[in-house]
Amino acid sequence: MKSSNYHRERRAPLRTMKELRAEKFRLQREIIQTEEGIKKDYRHLVDALTFRNIINTLAEEIVATNLIVSQAYSIISPLFKRKKKKKKDEGRRTRDEGRET
């Protein structure tokens, strides 16, 4: 949240009613802006913590996890299947050679 520069600056004392009214108006405006910012942030927080939003977020994470696992499986499984096929082929070759003799 953006803080006011009012406390950082050294201001001259208020001498007239006009200056006092202007300062009062400035402070009221600053208070209203701060309250609106707090309300907006609170509303975003409440929206983020609704049951529907939490469930949607979890569902998206589960779908993303399933996609990652399936992609990893699709990449890794052919590597292991090739090794198994080679072993099966070698076993068939030895059986075929034994039958020929």
C-alpha atoms as a PDB file:
ATOM      1  CA  MET A   1       0.000   0.000   0.000  1.00  0.00           C
ATOM      2  CA  LYS A   2       1.289   3.435  -0.847  1.00  0.00           C
ATOM      3  CA  SER A   3       1.909   5.575   2.197  1.00  0.00           C
ATOM      4  CA  SER A   4       1.459   9.292   2.373  1.00  0.00           C
ATOM      5  CA  ASN A   5       4.368  11.682   2.050  1.00  0.00           C
ATOM      6  CA  TYR A   6       2.728  13.899   4.645  1.00  0.00           C
ATOM      7  CA  HIS A   7       4.749  12.534   7.550  1.00  0.00           C
ATOM      8  CA  ARG A   8       7.988  12.579   5.614  1.00  0.00           C
ATOM      9  CA  GLU A   9       7.793  16.249   4.763  1.00  0.00           C
ATOM     10  CA  ARG A  10       8.209  18.975   7.284  1.00  0.00           C
ATOM     11  CA  ARG A  11       5.244  21.273   6.904  1.00  0.00           C
ATOM     12  CA  ALA A  12       4.858  24.818   8.065  1.00  0.00           C
ATOM     13  CA  PRO A  13       2.289  25.332  10.816  1.00  0.00           C
ATOM     14  CA  LEU A  14      -1.230  26.135   9.681  1.00  0.00           C
ATOM     15  CA  ARG A  15      -1.916  29.808  10.269  1.00  0.00           C
ATOM     16  CA  THR A  16      -5.255  30.558   8.627  1.00  0.00           C
ATOM     17  CA  MET A  17      -8.666  28.907   8.546  1.00  0.00           C
ATOM     18  CA  LYS A  18      -8.322  28.484   4.804  1.00  0.00           C
ATOM     19  CA  GLU A  19      -5.127  26.439   5.290  1.00  0.00           C
ATOM     20  CA  LEU A  20      -6.823  24.435   8.033  1.00  0.00           C
ATOM     21  CA  ARG A  21      -9.820  23.615   5.806  1.00  0.00           C
ATOM     22  CA  ALA A  22      -7.537  22.656   2.918  1.00  0.00           C
ATOM     23  CA  GLU A  23      -5.532  20.361   5.221  1.00  0.00           C
ATOM     24  CA  LYS A  24      -8.744  18.829   6.599  1.00  0.00           C
ATOM     25  CA  PHE A  25     -10.008  18.184   3.058  1.00  0.00           C
ATOM     26  CA  ARG A  26      -6.657  16.624   2.069  1.00  0.00           C
ATOM     27  CA  LEU A  27      -6.697  14.323   5.090  1.00  0.00           C
ATOM     28  CA  GLN A  28     -10.310  13.276   4.468  1.00  0.00           C
ATOM     29  CA  ARG A  29      -9.504  12.496   0.846  1.00  0.00           C
ATOM     30  CA  GLU A  30      -6.463  10.460   1.893  1.00  0.00           C
ATOM     31  CA  ILE A  31      -8.525   8.527   4.458  1.00  0.00           C
ATOM     32  CA  ILE A  32     -11.221   7.752   1.881  1.00  0.00           C
ATOM     33  CA  GLN A  33      -8.642   6.571  -0.666  1.00  0.00           C
ATOM     34  CA  THR A  34      -7.006   4.335   1.942  1.00  0.00           C
ATOM     35  CA  GLU A  35     -10.365   2.864   2.982  1.00  0.00           C
ATOM     36  CA  GLU A  36     -11.279   2.153  -0.638  1.00  0.00           C
ATOM     37  CA  GLY A  37      -7.940   0.418  -1.149  1.00  0.00           C
ATOM     38  CA  ILE A  38      -8.516  -1.715   1.936  1.00  0.00           C
ATOM     39  CA  LYS A  39     -12.042  -2.630   0.786  1.00  0.00           C
ATOM     40  CA  LYS A  40     -10.756  -3.599  -2.651  1.00  0.00           C
ATOM     41  CA  ASP A  41      -7.950  -5.736  -1.203  1.00  0.00           C
ATOM     42  CA  TYR A  42     -10.391  -7.367   1.225  1.00  0.00           C
ATOM     43  CA  ARG A  43     -12.807  -8.134  -1.616  1.00  0.00           C
ATOM     44  CA  HIS A  44     -10.013  -9.774  -3.627  1.00  0.00           C
ATOM     45  CA  LEU A  45      -9.048 -11.833  -0.591  1.00  0.00           C
ATOM     46  CA  VAL A  46     -12.628 -12.965   0.021  1.00  0.00           C
ATOM     47  CA  ASP A  47     -13.042 -13.857  -3.656  1.00  0.00           C
ATOM     48  CA  ALA A  48      -9.812 -15.852  -3.590  1.00  0.00           C
ATOM     49  CA  LEU A  49     -10.939 -17.825  -0.555  1.00  0.00           C
ATOM     50  CA  THR A  50     -14.409 -18.774  -1.750  1.00  0.00           C
ATOM     51  CA  PHE A  51     -15.148 -22.476  -1.920  1.00  0.00           C
ATOM     52  CA  ARG A  52     -15.787 -22.323  -5.667  1.00  0.00           C
ATOM     53  CA  ASN A  53     -12.473 -20.592  -6.365  1.00  0.00           C
ATOM     54  CA  ILE A  54     -10.506 -23.010  -4.178  1.00  0.00           C
ATOM     55  CA  ILE A  55     -12.120 -26.019  -5.883  1.00  0.00           C
ATOM     56  CA  ASN A  56     -11.434 -24.561  -9.346  1.00  0.00           C
ATOM     57  CA  THR A  57      -7.796 -23.973  -8.440  1.00  0.00           C
ATOM     58  CA  LEU A  58      -7.406 -27.512  -7.111  1.00  0.00           C
ATOM     59  CA  ALA A  59      -9.059 -28.951 -10.210  1.00  0.00           C
ATOM     60  CA  GLU A  60      -6.695 -26.997 -12.464  1.00  0.00           C
ATOM     61  CA  GLU A  61      -3.706 -28.250 -10.466  1.00  0.00           C
ATOM     62  CA  ILE A  62      -4.906 -31.856 -10.700  1.00  0.00           C
ATOM     63  CA  VAL A  63      -5.400 -31.558 -14.458  1.00  0.00           C
ATOM     64  CA  ALA A  64      -1.952 -30.015 -14.837  1.00  0.00           C
ATOM     65  CA  THR A  65      -0.415 -32.804 -12.749  1.00  0.00           C
ATOM     66  CA  ASN A  66      -2.141 -35.462 -14.855  1.00  0.00           C
ATOM     67  CA  LEU A  67      -0.869 -33.834 -18.043  1.00  0.00           C
ATOM     68  CA  ILE A  68       2.687 -33.744 -16.733  1.00  0.00           C
ATOM     69  CA  VAL A  69       2.581 -37.369 -15.607  1.00  0.00           C
ATOM     70  CA  SER A  70       1.085 -38.547 -18.899  1.00  0.00           C
ATOM     71  CA  GLN A  71       3.682 -36.641 -20.916  1.00  0.00           C
ATOM     72  CA  ALA A  72       6.500 -38.043 -18.801  1.00  0.00           C
ATOM     73  CA  TYR A  73       5.065 -41.534 -19.230  1.00  0.00           C
ATOM     74  CA  SER A  74       4.750 -41.083 -22.994  1.00  0.00           C
ATOM     75  CA  ILE A  75       8.399 -40.022 -23.184  1.00  0.00           C
ATOM     76  CA  ILE A  76       9.820 -42.688 -20.869  1.00  0.00           C
ATOM     77  CA  SER A  77       7.678 -45.703 -21.794  1.00  0.00           C
ATOM     78  CA  PRO A  78       9.032 -46.108 -25.360  1.00  0.00           C
ATOM     79  CA  LEU A  79      12.555 -46.313 -23.971  1.00  0.00           C
ATOM     80  CA  PHE A  80      11.672 -49.249 -21.728  1.00  0.00           C
ATOM     81  CA  LYS A  81       9.468 -50.932 -24.337  1.00  0.00           C
ATOM     82  CA  ARG A  82      12.330 -50.998 -26.813  1.00  0.00           C
ATOM     83  CA  LYS A  83      14.552 -52.738 -24.311  1.00  0.00           C
ATOM     84  CA  LYS A  84      11.887 -55.348 -23.622  1.00  0.00           C
ATOM     85  CA  LYS A  85      11.331 -55.934 -27.325  1.00  0.00           C
ATOM     86  CA  LYS A  86      15.041 -56.465 -27.854  1.00  0.00           C
ATOM     87  CA  LYS A  87      15.141 -59.038 -25.080  1.00  0.00           C
ATOM     88  CA  LYS A  88      12.116 -60.822 -26.524  1.00  0.00           C
ATOM     89  CA  ASP A  89      13.685 -60.807 -29.990  1.00  0.00           C
ATOM     90  CA  GLU A  90      16.912 -62.288 -28.629  1.00  0.00           C
ATOM     91  CA  GLY A  91      14.943 -65.009 -26.863  1.00  0.00           C
ATOM     92  CA  ARG A  92      13.071 -65.845 -30.059  1.00  0.00           C
ATOM     93  CA  ARG A  93      16.310 -65.984 -32.028  1.00  0.00           C
ATOM     94  CA  THR A  94      17.873 -68.457 -29.624  1.00  0.00           C
ATOM     95  CA  ARG A  95      14.735 -70.636 -29.710  1.00  0.00           C
ATOM     96  CA  ASP A  96      14.661 -70.513 -33.497  1.00  0.00           C
ATOM     97  CA  GLU A  97      18.350 -71.431 -33.679  1.00  0.00           C
ATOM     98  CA  GLY A  98      17.787 -74.359 -31.313  1.00  0.00           C
ATOM     99  CA  ARG A  99      14.971 -75.698 -33.480  1.00  0.00           C
ATOM    100  CA  GLU A 100      17.029 -75.542 -36.648  1.00  0.00           C
ATOM    101  CA  THR A 101      19.755 -77.800 -35.333  1.00  0.00           C
END
